[in-house]
């Protein structure tokens, strides 16, 4: 297994565990009408920090145990896999961003009804978290595509 494939596995597992918890809690808060911007911010900071605290040492340990160089230039196969995964991930990100923009009116209407005391703040928090979700989901899909190419297609 190449180091890049190991890195992709580490990213997928970490993203699924940590960011699923984050987006689940944000979604529950939004839909229940208990959205708290400060709590969401600190939850994000904690999840981001935990992601780094898991991914960085895990990648270093994986490289040491396999005696692989973390900075080794990708070979031709790895560059092709990366290009395919990037293309799919960016297309998905573009589609999701357009979807967020097109749904911004619905988000605004929802925030006006559910958060009468601060609809603008709720709208901003919801749209920011939808954007974060689009980034995380497209990155996750990108890593999964890399794994599929490393394992099955090439």
N, C-alpha and C. Protein backbone atom coordinates (compact mmCIF):
# COMPACT_ATOMS: atom_id res chain seq x y z
N UNK A 1 0.85 -1.17 0.00
CA UNK A 1 0.00 0.00 0.00
C UNK A 1 0.90 1.23 0.00
N UNK A 2 0.64 2.13 -0.94
CA UNK A 2 1.46 3.33 -1.03
C UNK A 2 1.13 4.28 0.13
N UNK A 3 2.06 5.19 0.39
CA UNK A 3 1.84 6.14 1.47
C UNK A 3 0.63 7.03 1.18
N UNK A 4 0.43 7.38 -0.08
CA UNK A 4 -0.71 8.23 -0.43
C UNK A 4 -2.04 7.51 -0.17
N UNK A 5 -2.07 6.22 -0.40
CA UNK A 5 -3.28 5.46 -0.09
C UNK A 5 -3.51 5.41 1.42
N UNK A 6 -2.46 5.22 2.19
CA UNK A 6 -2.58 5.23 3.65
C UNK A 6 -3.10 6.58 4.13
N UNK A 7 -2.57 7.63 3.55
CA UNK A 7 -3.03 8.98 3.91
C UNK A 7 -4.51 9.15 3.59
N UNK A 8 -4.94 8.63 2.46
CA UNK A 8 -6.35 8.72 2.08
C UNK A 8 -7.23 7.96 3.08
N UNK A 9 -6.80 6.77 3.48
CA UNK A 9 -7.56 5.99 4.47
C UNK A 9 -7.66 6.75 5.80
N UNK A 10 -6.55 7.31 6.23
CA UNK A 10 -6.55 8.07 7.49
C UNK A 10 -7.50 9.25 7.39
N UNK A 11 -7.49 9.95 6.27
CA UNK A 11 -8.37 11.11 6.09
C UNK A 11 -9.84 10.68 6.07
N UNK A 12 -10.15 9.59 5.40
CA UNK A 12 -11.54 9.13 5.31
C UNK A 12 -12.07 8.75 6.69
N UNK A 13 -11.31 7.94 7.42
CA UNK A 13 -11.77 7.50 8.74
C UNK A 13 -11.92 8.68 9.70
N UNK A 14 -10.93 9.55 9.71
CA UNK A 14 -10.99 10.71 10.59
C UNK A 14 -12.16 11.61 10.24
N UNK A 15 -12.34 11.88 8.96
CA UNK A 15 -13.44 12.74 8.52
C UNK A 15 -14.79 12.13 8.87
N UNK A 16 -14.95 10.85 8.60
CA UNK A 16 -16.23 10.21 8.91
C UNK A 16 -16.56 10.26 10.39
N UNK A 17 -15.58 10.02 11.23
CA UNK A 17 -15.84 9.98 12.67
C UNK A 17 -16.06 11.39 13.23
N UNK A 18 -15.08 12.25 13.04
CA UNK A 18 -15.12 13.56 13.70
C UNK A 18 -16.13 14.51 13.07
N UNK A 19 -16.11 14.62 11.76
CA UNK A 19 -16.97 15.61 11.11
C UNK A 19 -18.42 15.15 11.02
N UNK A 20 -18.67 13.85 11.09
CA UNK A 20 -20.05 13.39 11.18
C UNK A 20 -20.65 13.84 12.51
N UNK A 21 -19.88 13.73 13.58
CA UNK A 21 -20.33 14.21 14.89
C UNK A 21 -20.61 15.71 14.83
N UNK A 22 -19.69 16.45 14.24
CA UNK A 22 -19.85 17.91 14.16
C UNK A 22 -21.13 18.28 13.39
N UNK A 23 -21.26 17.77 12.18
CA UNK A 23 -22.41 18.17 11.36
C UNK A 23 -23.72 17.62 11.92
N UNK A 24 -23.68 16.49 12.59
CA UNK A 24 -24.88 15.97 13.23
C UNK A 24 -25.33 16.95 14.33
N UNK A 25 -24.39 17.37 15.16
CA UNK A 25 -24.74 18.29 16.25
C UNK A 25 -25.21 19.64 15.72
N UNK A 26 -24.58 20.13 14.68
CA UNK A 26 -25.02 21.39 14.07
C UNK A 26 -26.43 21.23 13.49
N UNK A 27 -26.66 20.15 12.77
CA UNK A 27 -27.98 19.91 12.18
C UNK A 27 -29.07 19.81 13.22
N UNK A 28 -28.80 19.10 14.31
CA UNK A 28 -29.78 18.98 15.39
C UNK A 28 -30.07 20.35 15.99
N UNK A 29 -29.02 21.15 16.21
CA UNK A 29 -29.20 22.49 16.79
C UNK A 29 -30.01 23.38 15.86
N UNK A 30 -29.71 23.33 14.57
CA UNK A 30 -30.43 24.16 13.60
C UNK A 30 -31.90 23.78 13.56
N UNK A 31 -32.18 22.50 13.42
CA UNK A 31 -33.57 22.05 13.26
C UNK A 31 -34.39 22.15 14.54
N UNK A 32 -33.72 22.11 15.70
CA UNK A 32 -34.47 22.22 16.96
C UNK A 32 -34.65 23.66 17.41
N UNK A 33 -34.03 24.60 16.70
CA UNK A 33 -34.17 26.00 17.07
C UNK A 33 -33.27 26.42 18.21
N UNK A 34 -32.25 25.64 18.51
CA UNK A 34 -31.36 25.95 19.63
C UNK A 34 -29.95 26.32 19.16
N UNK A 35 -29.86 26.92 18.01
CA UNK A 35 -28.57 27.27 17.42
C UNK A 35 -27.87 28.32 18.27
N UNK A 36 -26.64 28.03 18.66
CA UNK A 36 -25.82 28.95 19.45
C UNK A 36 -24.50 29.12 18.71
N UNK A 37 -24.27 30.30 18.15
CA UNK A 37 -23.09 30.56 17.35
C UNK A 37 -21.78 30.32 18.08
N UNK A 38 -21.70 30.71 19.36
CA UNK A 38 -20.48 30.50 20.13
C UNK A 38 -20.22 29.01 20.33
N UNK A 39 -21.25 28.26 20.67
CA UNK A 39 -21.08 26.82 20.88
C UNK A 39 -20.66 26.13 19.58
N UNK A 40 -21.25 26.53 18.47
CA UNK A 40 -20.90 25.95 17.17
C UNK A 40 -19.45 26.28 16.83
N UNK A 41 -19.05 27.53 17.08
CA UNK A 41 -17.67 27.93 16.79
C UNK A 41 -16.69 27.07 17.57
N UNK A 42 -16.92 26.90 18.88
CA UNK A 42 -15.98 26.13 19.70
C UNK A 42 -16.04 24.64 19.37
N UNK A 43 -17.19 24.16 18.98
CA UNK A 43 -17.28 22.77 18.52
C UNK A 43 -16.43 22.59 17.26
N UNK A 44 -16.50 23.56 16.36
CA UNK A 44 -15.68 23.51 15.15
C UNK A 44 -14.20 23.52 15.50
N UNK A 45 -13.80 24.42 16.39
CA UNK A 45 -12.39 24.51 16.79
C UNK A 45 -11.93 23.19 17.38
N UNK A 46 -12.73 22.59 18.25
CA UNK A 46 -12.37 21.30 18.85
C UNK A 46 -12.26 20.21 17.79
N UNK A 47 -13.24 20.13 16.91
CA UNK A 47 -13.21 19.09 15.87
C UNK A 47 -12.02 19.27 14.93
N UNK A 48 -11.72 20.50 14.58
CA UNK A 48 -10.58 20.79 13.72
C UNK A 48 -9.28 20.39 14.42
N UNK A 49 -9.16 20.78 15.68
CA UNK A 49 -7.97 20.44 16.46
C UNK A 49 -7.80 18.93 16.63
N UNK A 50 -8.89 18.24 16.91
CA UNK A 50 -8.83 16.79 17.07
C UNK A 50 -8.45 16.13 15.74
N UNK A 51 -8.99 16.64 14.65
CA UNK A 51 -8.64 16.09 13.33
C UNK A 51 -7.14 16.20 13.09
N UNK A 52 -6.58 17.35 13.36
CA UNK A 52 -5.14 17.54 13.17
C UNK A 52 -4.36 16.66 14.14
N UNK A 53 -4.83 16.60 15.39
CA UNK A 53 -4.14 15.80 16.41
C UNK A 53 -4.16 14.31 16.08
N UNK A 54 -5.13 13.87 15.32
CA UNK A 54 -5.19 12.46 14.92
C UNK A 54 -4.44 12.23 13.61
N UNK A 55 -4.71 13.06 12.62
CA UNK A 55 -4.18 12.81 11.28
C UNK A 55 -2.66 13.00 11.19
N UNK A 56 -2.14 14.03 11.79
CA UNK A 56 -0.71 14.30 11.67
C UNK A 56 0.15 13.20 12.30
N UNK A 57 -0.06 12.87 13.57
CA UNK A 57 0.76 11.80 14.14
C UNK A 57 0.51 10.43 13.47
N UNK A 58 -0.72 10.17 13.08
CA UNK A 58 -1.02 8.89 12.44
C UNK A 58 -0.28 8.77 11.12
N UNK A 59 -0.24 9.84 10.35
CA UNK A 59 0.52 9.81 9.10
C UNK A 59 2.01 9.65 9.35
N UNK A 60 2.52 10.30 10.35
CA UNK A 60 3.95 10.18 10.68
C UNK A 60 4.27 8.75 11.11
N UNK A 61 3.44 8.17 11.98
CA UNK A 61 3.66 6.79 12.42
C UNK A 61 3.56 5.83 11.24
N UNK A 62 2.57 6.04 10.37
CA UNK A 62 2.42 5.17 9.20
C UNK A 62 3.66 5.23 8.31
N UNK A 63 4.21 6.40 8.13
CA UNK A 63 5.42 6.54 7.31
C UNK A 63 6.62 5.88 7.96
N UNK A 64 6.75 6.05 9.27
CA UNK A 64 7.89 5.45 9.99
C UNK A 64 7.80 3.93 9.97
N UNK A 65 6.61 3.40 10.27
CA UNK A 65 6.45 1.95 10.32
C UNK A 65 6.67 1.30 8.96
N UNK A 66 6.28 1.98 7.91
CA UNK A 66 6.44 1.43 6.56
C UNK A 66 7.78 1.83 5.95
N UNK A 67 8.52 2.64 6.67
CA UNK A 67 9.80 3.16 6.16
C UNK A 67 9.61 3.86 4.82
N UNK A 68 8.57 4.69 4.77
CA UNK A 68 8.28 5.43 3.55
C UNK A 68 8.54 6.91 3.79
N UNK A 69 8.89 7.61 2.72
CA UNK A 69 9.15 9.03 2.78
C UNK A 69 7.85 9.80 2.56
N UNK A 70 7.51 10.66 3.51
CA UNK A 70 6.28 11.45 3.40
C UNK A 70 6.37 12.47 2.26
N UNK A 71 7.59 12.87 1.90
CA UNK A 71 7.77 13.89 0.88
C UNK A 71 8.17 13.32 -0.47
N UNK A 72 8.07 12.02 -0.64
CA UNK A 72 8.45 11.41 -1.91
C UNK A 72 7.54 11.93 -3.03
N UNK A 73 8.11 12.28 -4.16
CA UNK A 73 7.27 12.76 -5.26
C UNK A 73 6.37 11.64 -5.77
N UNK A 74 5.16 11.98 -6.17
CA UNK A 74 4.24 10.95 -6.67
C UNK A 74 4.72 10.38 -8.00
N UNK A 75 4.49 9.09 -8.17
CA UNK A 75 4.82 8.50 -9.47
C UNK A 75 3.69 8.79 -10.46
N UNK A 76 3.84 8.32 -11.67
CA UNK A 76 2.86 8.63 -12.72
C UNK A 76 1.47 8.11 -12.37
N UNK A 77 1.39 6.89 -11.84
CA UNK A 77 0.09 6.31 -11.47
C UNK A 77 -0.57 7.15 -10.38
N UNK A 78 0.19 7.56 -9.38
CA UNK A 78 -0.36 8.37 -8.29
C UNK A 78 -0.82 9.74 -8.80
N UNK A 79 -0.08 10.32 -9.73
CA UNK A 79 -0.50 11.61 -10.31
C UNK A 79 -1.82 11.46 -11.08
N UNK A 80 -1.97 10.37 -11.82
CA UNK A 80 -3.22 10.13 -12.56
C UNK A 80 -4.39 9.93 -11.61
N UNK A 81 -4.16 9.14 -10.56
CA UNK A 81 -5.22 8.91 -9.57
C UNK A 81 -5.60 10.22 -8.90
N UNK A 82 -4.62 11.00 -8.53
CA UNK A 82 -4.87 12.30 -7.89
C UNK A 82 -5.65 13.22 -8.82
N UNK A 83 -5.29 13.23 -10.10
CA UNK A 83 -5.98 14.09 -11.06
C UNK A 83 -7.45 13.68 -11.22
N UNK A 84 -7.71 12.38 -11.30
CA UNK A 84 -9.10 11.89 -11.41
C UNK A 84 -9.90 12.25 -10.17
N UNK A 85 -9.31 12.02 -9.01
CA UNK A 85 -10.01 12.32 -7.76
C UNK A 85 -10.24 13.82 -7.61
N UNK A 86 -9.25 14.63 -7.95
CA UNK A 86 -9.41 16.09 -7.88
C UNK A 86 -10.52 16.56 -8.80
N UNK A 87 -10.55 16.04 -10.01
CA UNK A 87 -11.57 16.45 -10.97
C UNK A 87 -12.97 16.15 -10.43
N UNK A 88 -13.18 14.93 -9.94
CA UNK A 88 -14.49 14.56 -9.39
C UNK A 88 -14.82 15.38 -8.15
N UNK A 89 -13.85 15.56 -7.25
CA UNK A 89 -14.08 16.34 -6.04
C UNK A 89 -14.43 17.79 -6.33
N UNK A 90 -13.74 18.38 -7.30
CA UNK A 90 -14.02 19.78 -7.64
C UNK A 90 -15.37 19.94 -8.33
N UNK A 91 -15.72 19.00 -9.18
CA UNK A 91 -17.04 19.05 -9.82
C UNK A 91 -18.14 18.97 -8.76
N UNK A 92 -17.97 18.02 -7.83
CA UNK A 92 -18.95 17.89 -6.74
C UNK A 92 -19.01 19.17 -5.92
N UNK A 93 -17.86 19.75 -5.59
CA UNK A 93 -17.83 20.99 -4.81
C UNK A 93 -18.55 22.12 -5.55
N UNK A 94 -18.33 22.24 -6.85
CA UNK A 94 -19.01 23.27 -7.63
C UNK A 94 -20.52 23.07 -7.61
N UNK A 95 -20.96 21.84 -7.76
CA UNK A 95 -22.40 21.55 -7.75
C UNK A 95 -22.99 21.89 -6.38
N UNK A 96 -22.31 21.47 -5.32
CA UNK A 96 -22.81 21.75 -3.97
C UNK A 96 -22.85 23.25 -3.69
N UNK A 97 -21.83 23.99 -4.14
CA UNK A 97 -21.82 25.43 -3.91
C UNK A 97 -22.96 26.12 -4.64
N UNK A 98 -23.22 25.71 -5.87
CA UNK A 98 -24.36 26.27 -6.61
C UNK A 98 -25.65 25.94 -5.88
N UNK A 99 -25.77 24.70 -5.36
CA UNK A 99 -26.95 24.31 -4.60
C UNK A 99 -27.13 25.17 -3.35
N UNK A 100 -26.04 25.46 -2.66
CA UNK A 100 -26.13 26.31 -1.47
C UNK A 100 -26.59 27.72 -1.85
N UNK A 101 -26.02 28.24 -2.92
CA UNK A 101 -26.41 29.59 -3.36
C UNK A 101 -27.89 29.61 -3.74
N UNK A 102 -28.32 28.61 -4.49
CA UNK A 102 -29.73 28.57 -4.91
C UNK A 102 -30.68 28.34 -3.74
N UNK A 103 -30.21 27.69 -2.69
CA UNK A 103 -31.08 27.43 -1.54
C UNK A 103 -30.98 28.52 -0.47
N UNK A 104 -30.21 29.55 -0.71
CA UNK A 104 -30.03 30.59 0.31
C UNK A 104 -31.34 31.29 0.66
N UNK A 105 -32.24 31.42 -0.29
CA UNK A 105 -33.55 32.01 0.01
C UNK A 105 -34.35 31.15 0.97
N UNK A 106 -34.30 29.84 0.77
CA UNK A 106 -34.99 28.92 1.68
C UNK A 106 -34.38 28.96 3.07
N UNK A 107 -33.06 29.05 3.14
CA UNK A 107 -32.37 29.13 4.43
C UNK A 107 -32.78 30.41 5.14
N UNK A 108 -32.84 31.50 4.41
CA UNK A 108 -33.24 32.78 4.99
C UNK A 108 -34.67 32.73 5.52
N UNK A 109 -35.57 32.17 4.74
CA UNK A 109 -36.97 32.04 5.19
C UNK A 109 -37.07 31.17 6.44
N UNK A 110 -36.34 30.06 6.45
CA UNK A 110 -36.32 29.18 7.62
C UNK A 110 -35.81 29.93 8.84
N UNK A 111 -34.71 30.66 8.69
CA UNK A 111 -34.12 31.39 9.82
C UNK A 111 -35.06 32.46 10.34
N UNK A 112 -35.80 33.11 9.45
CA UNK A 112 -36.77 34.13 9.90
C UNK A 112 -37.86 33.51 10.76
N UNK A 113 -38.27 32.30 10.43
CA UNK A 113 -39.34 31.65 11.19
C UNK A 113 -38.81 31.01 12.48
N UNK A 114 -37.68 30.34 12.40
CA UNK A 114 -37.18 29.58 13.54
C UNK A 114 -36.38 30.43 14.53
N UNK A 115 -35.79 31.52 14.05
CA UNK A 115 -34.92 32.35 14.88
C UNK A 115 -35.33 33.81 14.75
N UNK A 116 -36.51 34.13 15.25
CA UNK A 116 -37.06 35.48 15.11
C UNK A 116 -36.19 36.54 15.78
N UNK A 117 -35.47 36.17 16.83
CA UNK A 117 -34.66 37.17 17.54
C UNK A 117 -33.39 37.54 16.78
N UNK A 118 -32.86 36.64 15.94
CA UNK A 118 -31.64 36.93 15.18
C UNK A 118 -31.61 36.11 13.88
N UNK A 119 -32.51 36.44 12.95
CA UNK A 119 -32.53 35.66 11.71
C UNK A 119 -31.28 35.84 10.86
N UNK A 120 -30.69 37.03 10.89
CA UNK A 120 -29.48 37.25 10.08
C UNK A 120 -28.32 36.42 10.61
N UNK A 121 -28.15 36.38 11.91
CA UNK A 121 -27.08 35.58 12.49
C UNK A 121 -27.28 34.09 12.23
N UNK A 122 -28.51 33.63 12.38
CA UNK A 122 -28.81 32.22 12.12
C UNK A 122 -28.57 31.88 10.66
N UNK A 123 -28.97 32.78 9.77
CA UNK A 123 -28.74 32.55 8.33
C UNK A 123 -27.26 32.43 8.04
N UNK A 124 -26.47 33.33 8.62
CA UNK A 124 -25.02 33.29 8.39
C UNK A 124 -24.42 31.99 8.90
N UNK A 125 -24.79 31.57 10.09
CA UNK A 125 -24.24 30.34 10.67
C UNK A 125 -24.65 29.13 9.84
N UNK A 126 -25.89 29.09 9.41
CA UNK A 126 -26.37 27.95 8.61
C UNK A 126 -25.64 27.90 7.28
N UNK A 127 -25.52 29.05 6.61
CA UNK A 127 -24.86 29.06 5.30
C UNK A 127 -23.37 28.73 5.42
N UNK A 128 -22.73 29.22 6.45
CA UNK A 128 -21.32 28.89 6.67
C UNK A 128 -21.15 27.40 6.88
N UNK A 129 -22.03 26.81 7.68
CA UNK A 129 -21.92 25.37 7.94
C UNK A 129 -22.31 24.53 6.73
N UNK A 130 -23.22 25.02 5.90
CA UNK A 130 -23.50 24.32 4.65
C UNK A 130 -22.27 24.35 3.74
N UNK A 131 -21.57 25.49 3.73
CA UNK A 131 -20.34 25.59 2.95
C UNK A 131 -19.26 24.66 3.50
N UNK A 132 -19.12 24.62 4.81
CA UNK A 132 -18.16 23.69 5.43
C UNK A 132 -18.51 22.25 5.09
N UNK A 133 -19.81 21.94 5.11
CA UNK A 133 -20.23 20.58 4.75
C UNK A 133 -19.87 20.27 3.31
N UNK A 134 -20.10 21.23 2.40
CA UNK A 134 -19.75 21.01 0.99
C UNK A 134 -18.26 20.75 0.84
N UNK A 135 -17.44 21.51 1.55
CA UNK A 135 -15.99 21.31 1.49
C UNK A 135 -15.59 19.95 2.06
N UNK A 136 -16.13 19.61 3.22
CA UNK A 136 -15.78 18.34 3.85
C UNK A 136 -16.27 17.15 3.02
N UNK A 137 -17.49 17.23 2.51
CA UNK A 137 -18.06 16.13 1.75
C UNK A 137 -17.32 15.92 0.43
N UNK A 138 -17.01 17.01 -0.26
CA UNK A 138 -16.28 16.86 -1.52
C UNK A 138 -14.86 16.36 -1.27
N UNK A 139 -14.24 16.77 -0.18
CA UNK A 139 -12.93 16.24 0.17
C UNK A 139 -12.98 14.76 0.52
N UNK A 140 -14.03 14.36 1.22
CA UNK A 140 -14.23 12.96 1.56
C UNK A 140 -14.41 12.12 0.31
N UNK A 141 -15.24 12.60 -0.59
CA UNK A 141 -15.47 11.88 -1.85
C UNK A 141 -14.17 11.78 -2.63
N UNK A 142 -13.39 12.84 -2.65
CA UNK A 142 -12.10 12.83 -3.34
C UNK A 142 -11.19 11.73 -2.78
N UNK A 143 -11.10 11.64 -1.46
CA UNK A 143 -10.26 10.62 -0.84
C UNK A 143 -10.79 9.22 -1.12
N UNK A 144 -12.10 9.05 -1.09
CA UNK A 144 -12.69 7.74 -1.38
C UNK A 144 -12.39 7.33 -2.83
N UNK A 145 -12.48 8.28 -3.74
CA UNK A 145 -12.16 7.98 -5.14
C UNK A 145 -10.71 7.55 -5.27
N UNK A 146 -9.82 8.20 -4.55
CA UNK A 146 -8.42 7.79 -4.58
C UNK A 146 -8.26 6.35 -4.09
N UNK A 147 -8.91 6.02 -3.00
CA UNK A 147 -8.81 4.67 -2.46
C UNK A 147 -9.34 3.64 -3.46
N UNK A 148 -10.48 3.96 -4.06
CA UNK A 148 -11.06 3.04 -5.04
C UNK A 148 -10.08 2.83 -6.19
N UNK A 149 -9.47 3.89 -6.68
CA UNK A 149 -8.51 3.76 -7.77
C UNK A 149 -7.27 2.97 -7.34
N UNK A 150 -6.78 3.24 -6.14
CA UNK A 150 -5.62 2.50 -5.66
C UNK A 150 -5.94 1.01 -5.50
N UNK A 151 -7.12 0.69 -4.98
CA UNK A 151 -7.47 -0.67 -4.65
C UNK A 151 -8.02 -1.48 -5.81
N UNK A 152 -8.89 -0.89 -6.59
CA UNK A 152 -9.68 -1.70 -7.52
C UNK A 152 -9.47 -1.42 -9.00
N UNK A 153 -9.29 -0.19 -9.35
CA UNK A 153 -9.38 0.15 -10.76
C UNK A 153 -8.05 0.15 -11.48
N UNK A 154 -6.97 0.31 -10.79
CA UNK A 154 -5.67 0.39 -11.47
C UNK A 154 -4.76 -0.75 -11.09
